[in-house]
């Protein structure tokens, strides 16, 4: 599932390809990139979407990151029960 990402560095491009192939670790890593604005423009909505994709596959760190997004309302509506 392509989310319209345009990474600026080759490493991010590789992560995007792996993420689009459904690799949870790549989705989580790319989510961190977007959350922190590392190698790509900062985009909290994109980060939360990537964390959700990885979390739905059981990636524990992505679940934690997604919970923080919901707790803080970053990229998703603030939602304490969902957090």
C-alpha atoms as a PDB file:
ATOM      1  CA  UNK A   1       0.000   0.000   0.000  1.00  0.00           C
ATOM      2  CA  UNK A   2       1.671   3.190  -1.126  1.00  0.00           C
ATOM      3  CA  UNK A   3       0.945   6.212   1.014  1.00  0.00           C
ATOM      4  CA  UNK A   4       2.385   8.762  -1.404  1.00  0.00           C
ATOM      5  CA  UNK A   5       5.757   9.054   0.291  1.00  0.00           C
ATOM      6  CA  UNK A   6       8.657  10.830  -1.388  1.00  0.00           C
ATOM      7  CA  UNK A   7      11.747  10.095   0.739  1.00  0.00           C
ATOM      8  CA  UNK A   8      14.789  12.246   0.151  1.00  0.00           C
ATOM      9  CA  UNK A   9      17.600   9.741   0.785  1.00  0.00           C
ATOM     10  CA  UNK A  10      18.390   6.319  -0.726  1.00  0.00           C
ATOM     11  CA  UNK A  11      17.996   4.560   2.646  1.00  0.00           C
ATOM     12  CA  UNK A  12      14.532   5.996   3.007  1.00  0.00           C
ATOM     13  CA  UNK A  13      13.729   4.927  -0.559  1.00  0.00           C
ATOM     14  CA  UNK A  14      14.677   1.346   0.336  1.00  0.00           C
ATOM     15  CA  UNK A  15      12.505   1.536   3.473  1.00  0.00           C
ATOM     16  CA  UNK A  16       9.615   2.793   1.356  1.00  0.00           C
ATOM     17  CA  UNK A  17       9.905  -0.153  -1.020  1.00  0.00           C
ATOM     18  CA  UNK A  18       9.997  -2.626   1.862  1.00  0.00           C
ATOM     19  CA  UNK A  19       7.127  -0.839   3.589  1.00  0.00           C
ATOM     20  CA  UNK A  20       5.034  -0.987   0.433  1.00  0.00           C
ATOM     21  CA  UNK A  21       5.710  -4.734   0.336  1.00  0.00           C
ATOM     22  CA  UNK A  22       4.158  -4.998   3.801  1.00  0.00           C
ATOM     23  CA  UNK A  23       7.283  -5.427   5.933  1.00  0.00           C
ATOM     24  CA  UNK A  24       6.314  -4.358   9.452  1.00  0.00           C
ATOM     25  CA  UNK A  25       9.852  -3.441  10.529  1.00  0.00           C
ATOM     26  CA  UNK A  26      10.241  -1.142   7.516  1.00  0.00           C
ATOM     27  CA  UNK A  27       6.832   0.422   8.197  1.00  0.00           C
ATOM     28  CA  UNK A  28       7.844   1.092  11.791  1.00  0.00           C
ATOM     29  CA  UNK A  29      11.233   2.515  10.798  1.00  0.00           C
ATOM     30  CA  UNK A  30       9.716   4.741   8.127  1.00  0.00           C
ATOM     31  CA  UNK A  31       7.126   5.868  10.682  1.00  0.00           C
ATOM     32  CA  UNK A  32       9.961   6.953  12.968  1.00  0.00           C
ATOM     33  CA  UNK A  33      11.547   8.846  10.073  1.00  0.00           C
ATOM     34  CA  UNK A  34       8.315  10.747   9.450  1.00  0.00           C
ATOM     35  CA  UNK A  35       7.637  11.300  13.137  1.00  0.00           C
ATOM     36  CA  UNK A  36      11.071  12.854  13.645  1.00  0.00           C
ATOM     37  CA  UNK A  37      11.509  14.446  10.205  1.00  0.00           C
ATOM     38  CA  UNK A  38      14.588  12.287   9.664  1.00  0.00           C
ATOM     39  CA  UNK A  39      15.527  11.913   5.964  1.00  0.00           C
ATOM     40  CA  UNK A  40      11.970  12.980   5.012  1.00  0.00           C
ATOM     41  CA  UNK A  41       9.740  15.983   5.750  1.00  0.00           C
ATOM     42  CA  UNK A  42       8.126  15.679   9.182  1.00  0.00           C
ATOM     43  CA  UNK A  43       4.578  14.359   8.810  1.00  0.00           C
ATOM     44  CA  UNK A  44       2.752  13.091  11.909  1.00  0.00           C
ATOM     45  CA  UNK A  45      -0.223  11.799   9.896  1.00  0.00           C
ATOM     46  CA  UNK A  46       2.057   9.700   7.704  1.00  0.00           C
ATOM     47  CA  UNK A  47       3.919   8.453  10.787  1.00  0.00           C
ATOM     48  CA  UNK A  48       0.700   7.365  12.505  1.00  0.00           C
ATOM     49  CA  UNK A  49      -0.518   5.592   9.347  1.00  0.00           C
ATOM     50  CA  UNK A  50       2.754   3.661   9.099  1.00  0.00           C
ATOM     51  CA  UNK A  51       2.710   2.795  12.803  1.00  0.00           C
ATOM     52  CA  UNK A  52      -0.859   1.489  12.328  1.00  0.00           C
ATOM     53  CA  UNK A  53       0.200  -0.736   9.411  1.00  0.00           C
ATOM     54  CA  UNK A  54       3.048  -2.236  11.437  1.00  0.00           C
ATOM     55  CA  UNK A  55       1.009  -2.483  14.651  1.00  0.00           C
ATOM     56  CA  UNK A  56      -1.740  -4.361  12.815  1.00  0.00           C
ATOM     57  CA  UNK A  57       0.907  -6.976  11.989  1.00  0.00           C
ATOM     58  CA  UNK A  58       1.848  -7.319  15.655  1.00  0.00           C
ATOM     59  CA  UNK A  59       4.930  -5.065  15.710  1.00  0.00           C
ATOM     60  CA  UNK A  60       5.203  -4.173  19.415  1.00  0.00           C
ATOM     61  CA  UNK A  61       7.284  -0.997  19.071  1.00  0.00           C
ATOM     62  CA  UNK A  62       4.850   0.291  16.454  1.00  0.00           C
ATOM     63  CA  UNK A  63       1.969  -0.379  18.852  1.00  0.00           C
ATOM     64  CA  UNK A  64       3.716   1.733  21.476  1.00  0.00           C
ATOM     65  CA  UNK A  65       4.430   4.523  18.981  1.00  0.00           C
ATOM     66  CA  UNK A  66       0.822   4.476  17.791  1.00  0.00           C
ATOM     67  CA  UNK A  67      -0.380   4.696  21.386  1.00  0.00           C
ATOM     68  CA  UNK A  68       1.784   7.774  21.893  1.00  0.00           C
ATOM     69  CA  UNK A  69       0.302   9.303  18.728  1.00  0.00           C
ATOM     70  CA  UNK A  70      -3.209   8.806  20.127  1.00  0.00           C
ATOM     71  CA  UNK A  71      -2.223  10.019  23.591  1.00  0.00           C
ATOM     72  CA  UNK A  72      -0.712  13.226  22.198  1.00  0.00           C
ATOM     73  CA  UNK A  73      -3.030  13.720  19.208  1.00  0.00           C
ATOM     74  CA  UNK A  74      -0.142  13.638  16.741  1.00  0.00           C
ATOM     75  CA  UNK A  75      -1.309  12.590  13.275  1.00  0.00           C
ATOM     76  CA  UNK A  76      -4.558  11.208  14.690  1.00  0.00           C
ATOM     77  CA  UNK A  77      -7.283  12.705  16.879  1.00  0.00           C
ATOM     78  CA  UNK A  78      -6.311  12.679  20.560  1.00  0.00           C
ATOM     79  CA  UNK A  79      -7.995   9.624  22.090  1.00  0.00           C
ATOM     80  CA  UNK A  80      -7.024   8.395  25.568  1.00  0.00           C
ATOM     81  CA  UNK A  81      -8.981   5.097  25.389  1.00  0.00           C
ATOM     82  CA  UNK A  82      -7.377   4.269  22.024  1.00  0.00           C
ATOM     83  CA  UNK A  83      -3.941   5.156  23.423  1.00  0.00           C
END
